[in-house]
N, C-alpha and C. Protein backbone atom coordinates (compact mmCIF):
# COMPACT_ATOMS: atom_id res chain seq x y z
N MET A 1 97.70 53.24 79.33
CA MET A 1 97.40 52.03 80.05
C MET A 1 95.88 51.84 80.05
N PRO A 2 95.41 50.75 79.51
CA PRO A 2 93.96 50.51 79.47
C PRO A 2 93.41 50.10 80.84
N HIS A 3 92.19 50.53 81.12
CA HIS A 3 91.52 50.20 82.38
C HIS A 3 90.12 49.68 82.08
N ILE A 4 89.60 48.88 82.99
CA ILE A 4 88.20 48.47 82.93
C ILE A 4 87.71 48.34 84.37
N ALA A 5 86.60 48.95 84.66
CA ALA A 5 86.02 48.88 86.01
C ALA A 5 85.25 47.57 86.15
N THR A 6 85.31 46.98 87.33
CA THR A 6 84.61 45.71 87.55
C THR A 6 83.10 45.88 87.38
N ASP A 7 82.57 47.06 87.71
CA ASP A 7 81.14 47.31 87.49
C ASP A 7 80.80 47.22 86.00
N ASP A 8 81.71 47.71 85.16
CA ASP A 8 81.49 47.64 83.71
C ASP A 8 81.51 46.19 83.22
N ILE A 9 82.40 45.39 83.77
CA ILE A 9 82.45 43.97 83.40
C ILE A 9 81.13 43.30 83.77
N GLY A 10 80.63 43.60 84.97
CA GLY A 10 79.35 43.04 85.41
C GLY A 10 78.20 43.49 84.53
N SER A 11 78.20 44.77 84.14
CA SER A 11 77.14 45.27 83.27
C SER A 11 77.15 44.60 81.91
N ILE A 12 78.35 44.39 81.37
CA ILE A 12 78.44 43.72 80.07
C ILE A 12 78.05 42.25 80.19
N ALA A 13 78.42 41.60 81.30
CA ALA A 13 78.00 40.21 81.51
C ALA A 13 76.48 40.13 81.61
N ALA A 14 75.87 41.05 82.35
CA ALA A 14 74.40 41.07 82.46
C ALA A 14 73.76 41.31 81.10
N TRP A 15 74.31 42.25 80.33
CA TRP A 15 73.78 42.52 79.00
C TRP A 15 73.85 41.25 78.16
N SER A 16 74.97 40.54 78.25
CA SER A 16 75.14 39.31 77.45
C SER A 16 74.09 38.26 77.80
N PHE A 17 73.79 38.11 79.09
CA PHE A 17 72.76 37.14 79.49
C PHE A 17 71.37 37.57 79.04
N ASN A 18 71.14 38.87 78.98
CA ASN A 18 69.84 39.38 78.54
C ASN A 18 69.70 39.46 77.03
N HIS A 19 70.78 39.25 76.30
CA HIS A 19 70.77 39.31 74.83
C HIS A 19 71.51 38.08 74.28
N LEU A 20 71.04 36.91 74.67
CA LEU A 20 71.72 35.67 74.26
C LEU A 20 71.83 35.54 72.75
N ASP A 21 70.82 36.03 72.04
CA ASP A 21 70.85 35.92 70.58
C ASP A 21 72.03 36.69 69.98
N GLN A 22 72.52 37.70 70.67
CA GLN A 22 73.64 38.50 70.17
C GLN A 22 74.97 38.16 70.84
N SER A 23 74.93 37.32 71.87
CA SER A 23 76.16 37.09 72.63
C SER A 23 76.67 35.66 72.63
N ILE A 24 75.82 34.67 72.35
CA ILE A 24 76.29 33.28 72.36
C ILE A 24 77.34 33.11 71.27
N GLY A 25 78.48 32.56 71.68
CA GLY A 25 79.58 32.32 70.75
C GLY A 25 80.44 33.54 70.48
N ARG A 26 80.12 34.67 71.09
CA ARG A 26 80.89 35.90 70.88
C ARG A 26 81.94 36.05 71.97
N ILE A 27 83.03 36.66 71.62
CA ILE A 27 84.05 37.05 72.58
C ILE A 27 84.10 38.56 72.56
N TRP A 28 83.81 39.19 73.70
CA TRP A 28 83.82 40.65 73.79
C TRP A 28 85.17 41.11 74.31
N GLU A 29 85.89 41.88 73.51
CA GLU A 29 87.12 42.49 73.98
C GLU A 29 86.75 43.85 74.53
N ILE A 30 86.82 44.00 75.84
CA ILE A 30 86.35 45.23 76.45
C ILE A 30 87.53 45.98 77.08
N VAL A 31 87.49 47.28 76.97
CA VAL A 31 88.48 48.14 77.59
C VAL A 31 87.81 49.47 77.87
N GLY A 32 88.18 50.07 78.96
CA GLY A 32 87.64 51.37 79.31
C GLY A 32 88.58 52.48 78.88
N GLN A 33 88.73 53.45 79.76
CA GLN A 33 89.56 54.61 79.48
C GLN A 33 91.03 54.21 79.31
N ILE A 34 91.71 54.89 78.40
CA ILE A 34 93.14 54.68 78.21
C ILE A 34 93.85 55.84 78.89
N THR A 35 94.78 55.55 79.80
CA THR A 35 95.48 56.60 80.53
C THR A 35 96.98 56.36 80.49
N THR A 36 97.71 57.30 81.05
CA THR A 36 99.15 57.14 81.24
C THR A 36 99.39 56.94 82.74
N PHE A 37 100.58 56.50 83.08
CA PHE A 37 100.92 56.35 84.49
C PHE A 37 100.97 57.71 85.18
N SER A 38 101.36 58.74 84.46
CA SER A 38 101.37 60.09 85.02
C SER A 38 99.95 60.53 85.36
N TYR A 39 98.99 60.21 84.50
CA TYR A 39 97.59 60.55 84.76
C TYR A 39 97.09 59.84 86.02
N ILE A 40 97.48 58.59 86.19
CA ILE A 40 97.08 57.84 87.37
C ILE A 40 97.65 58.50 88.62
N ALA A 41 98.93 58.89 88.59
CA ALA A 41 99.53 59.58 89.73
C ALA A 41 98.80 60.88 90.03
N GLU A 42 98.47 61.65 88.98
CA GLU A 42 97.72 62.91 89.17
C GLU A 42 96.35 62.63 89.80
N SER A 43 95.69 61.58 89.37
CA SER A 43 94.37 61.23 89.91
C SER A 43 94.46 60.87 91.38
N PHE A 44 95.47 60.07 91.75
CA PHE A 44 95.67 59.74 93.15
C PHE A 44 95.96 60.99 93.97
N SER A 45 96.73 61.90 93.41
CA SER A 45 97.05 63.16 94.11
C SER A 45 95.78 63.94 94.42
N LYS A 46 94.85 63.99 93.47
CA LYS A 46 93.60 64.71 93.69
C LYS A 46 92.74 64.02 94.75
N ILE A 47 92.63 62.72 94.68
CA ILE A 47 91.78 61.97 95.59
C ILE A 47 92.31 62.02 97.03
N PHE A 48 93.62 61.82 97.18
CA PHE A 48 94.21 61.74 98.52
C PHE A 48 94.76 63.08 99.02
N ALA A 49 94.67 64.12 98.20
CA ALA A 49 95.13 65.47 98.57
C ALA A 49 96.58 65.47 99.06
N ARG A 50 97.40 64.73 98.36
CA ARG A 50 98.84 64.73 98.62
C ARG A 50 99.53 64.32 97.33
N PRO A 51 100.79 64.69 97.17
CA PRO A 51 101.44 64.42 95.88
C PRO A 51 101.78 62.94 95.65
N PHE A 52 101.46 62.48 94.49
CA PHE A 52 101.90 61.18 93.98
C PHE A 52 102.65 61.48 92.69
N ILE A 53 103.82 60.92 92.54
CA ILE A 53 104.64 61.22 91.36
C ILE A 53 105.04 59.91 90.70
N PHE A 54 104.86 59.87 89.41
CA PHE A 54 105.37 58.75 88.63
C PHE A 54 106.53 59.31 87.82
N ALA A 55 107.72 58.84 88.07
CA ALA A 55 108.92 59.42 87.46
C ALA A 55 109.55 58.47 86.45
N ALA A 56 110.12 59.07 85.43
CA ALA A 56 110.93 58.38 84.42
C ALA A 56 110.28 57.13 83.83
N PRO A 57 109.14 57.28 83.18
CA PRO A 57 108.54 56.09 82.56
C PRO A 57 109.37 55.59 81.38
N PRO A 58 109.52 54.28 81.27
CA PRO A 58 110.19 53.73 80.09
C PRO A 58 109.36 54.04 78.84
N PRO A 59 109.98 54.08 77.67
CA PRO A 59 109.24 54.42 76.44
C PRO A 59 108.03 53.53 76.19
N ALA A 60 108.05 52.29 76.60
CA ALA A 60 106.93 51.38 76.35
C ALA A 60 105.68 51.80 77.10
N GLU A 61 105.82 52.64 78.13
CA GLU A 61 104.67 53.07 78.90
C GLU A 61 104.09 54.38 78.39
N ASP A 62 104.59 54.84 77.28
CA ASP A 62 104.08 56.06 76.68
C ASP A 62 102.71 55.79 76.06
N ILE A 63 101.82 56.76 76.11
CA ILE A 63 100.46 56.58 75.59
C ILE A 63 100.45 56.22 74.11
N ARG A 64 101.42 56.69 73.36
CA ARG A 64 101.47 56.34 71.93
C ARG A 64 101.63 54.84 71.74
N PHE A 65 102.38 54.21 72.63
CA PHE A 65 102.54 52.76 72.56
C PHE A 65 101.20 52.06 72.74
N PHE A 66 100.46 52.47 73.77
CA PHE A 66 99.18 51.84 74.03
C PHE A 66 98.17 52.15 72.92
N ALA A 67 98.24 53.34 72.36
CA ALA A 67 97.35 53.68 71.26
C ALA A 67 97.63 52.75 70.07
N ALA A 68 98.89 52.49 69.82
CA ALA A 68 99.24 51.58 68.72
C ALA A 68 98.77 50.16 69.00
N VAL A 69 98.92 49.72 70.24
CA VAL A 69 98.45 48.38 70.61
C VAL A 69 96.94 48.28 70.43
N LEU A 70 96.23 49.28 70.93
CA LEU A 70 94.77 49.25 70.81
C LEU A 70 94.34 49.29 69.36
N GLN A 71 95.01 50.09 68.57
CA GLN A 71 94.66 50.15 67.15
C GLN A 71 94.91 48.81 66.48
N SER A 72 96.00 48.14 66.86
CA SER A 72 96.30 46.85 66.24
C SER A 72 95.26 45.80 66.60
N TYR A 73 94.66 45.91 67.78
CA TYR A 73 93.61 44.98 68.19
C TYR A 73 92.22 45.49 67.85
N ARG A 74 92.15 46.68 67.28
CA ARG A 74 90.88 47.32 66.92
C ARG A 74 89.98 47.49 68.15
N LEU A 75 90.59 47.87 69.25
CA LEU A 75 89.83 48.08 70.48
C LEU A 75 89.49 49.56 70.61
N ASP A 76 88.34 49.94 70.20
CA ASP A 76 87.88 51.31 70.35
C ASP A 76 86.86 51.32 71.46
N PRO A 77 87.20 51.91 72.63
CA PRO A 77 86.27 51.86 73.77
C PRO A 77 84.90 52.46 73.49
N SER A 78 84.80 53.40 72.56
CA SER A 78 83.52 54.08 72.35
C SER A 78 82.44 53.16 71.79
N TRP A 79 82.78 52.15 71.02
CA TRP A 79 81.74 51.29 70.45
C TRP A 79 81.01 50.51 71.53
N ARG A 80 81.68 50.25 72.63
CA ARG A 80 81.03 49.51 73.71
C ARG A 80 79.88 50.30 74.31
N GLU A 81 80.06 51.63 74.40
CA GLU A 81 78.99 52.48 74.93
C GLU A 81 77.77 52.43 74.02
N VAL A 82 78.00 52.37 72.73
CA VAL A 82 76.89 52.28 71.78
C VAL A 82 76.27 50.89 71.83
N LYS A 83 77.08 49.86 71.81
CA LYS A 83 76.60 48.48 71.78
C LYS A 83 75.83 48.10 73.04
N PHE A 84 76.39 48.40 74.22
CA PHE A 84 75.81 47.94 75.47
C PHE A 84 74.90 48.96 76.13
N GLY A 85 74.85 50.17 75.61
CA GLY A 85 73.89 51.15 76.09
C GLY A 85 74.23 51.82 77.41
N PHE A 86 75.48 51.86 77.79
CA PHE A 86 75.87 52.59 79.00
C PHE A 86 77.28 53.14 78.81
N LYS A 87 77.59 54.19 79.56
CA LYS A 87 78.90 54.82 79.49
C LYS A 87 79.89 54.02 80.32
N MET A 88 81.04 53.73 79.75
CA MET A 88 82.09 53.03 80.48
C MET A 88 82.62 53.96 81.57
N THR A 89 83.01 53.41 82.69
CA THR A 89 83.51 54.17 83.82
C THR A 89 84.93 54.66 83.55
N SER A 90 85.16 55.95 83.73
CA SER A 90 86.52 56.48 83.57
C SER A 90 87.32 56.16 84.83
N PHE A 91 88.63 56.27 84.73
CA PHE A 91 89.49 56.00 85.88
C PHE A 91 89.17 56.98 87.02
N GLN A 92 88.96 58.25 86.68
CA GLN A 92 88.64 59.27 87.67
C GLN A 92 87.31 58.95 88.36
N GLU A 93 86.31 58.53 87.58
CA GLU A 93 85.01 58.16 88.16
C GLU A 93 85.15 56.97 89.09
N PHE A 94 85.98 56.00 88.69
CA PHE A 94 86.22 54.82 89.51
C PHE A 94 86.81 55.22 90.86
N LEU A 95 87.86 56.08 90.82
CA LEU A 95 88.51 56.48 92.06
C LEU A 95 87.58 57.27 92.97
N THR A 96 86.82 58.19 92.41
CA THR A 96 85.95 59.01 93.26
C THR A 96 84.80 58.20 93.83
N GLY A 97 84.50 57.05 93.26
CA GLY A 97 83.43 56.21 93.77
C GLY A 97 83.87 55.26 94.89
N LEU A 98 85.16 55.23 95.17
CA LEU A 98 85.68 54.33 96.21
C LEU A 98 85.63 55.00 97.58
N ASP A 99 85.46 54.21 98.61
CA ASP A 99 85.47 54.73 99.98
C ASP A 99 86.82 54.40 100.59
N PHE A 100 87.65 55.41 100.80
CA PHE A 100 88.97 55.21 101.35
C PHE A 100 89.03 55.47 102.86
N SER A 101 87.88 55.61 103.50
CA SER A 101 87.89 55.88 104.94
C SER A 101 88.33 54.64 105.71
N PRO A 102 89.03 54.85 106.84
CA PRO A 102 89.53 53.71 107.63
C PRO A 102 88.43 52.93 108.31
């Protein structure tokens, strides 16, 4: 499952405004870390210190499916780090940066 942090979207938008010669007329297909639903459940379990379980995923939610989709669209998240000059936020980094206090 592809993810993109809103901070990353803002950073790419800012980069685009600062590099108009390279961005006018361009469409940026951006994607961050690719995960599975099981990975997301594991991440929530770590953050909230209680079990989260994702059970019985349909075959379409398998990481191989998303890898094939990304390959068909030629979406390689690593080129964005080179192009825009910053590391894309991982799902784990996104979760640990949130304040879940009441």
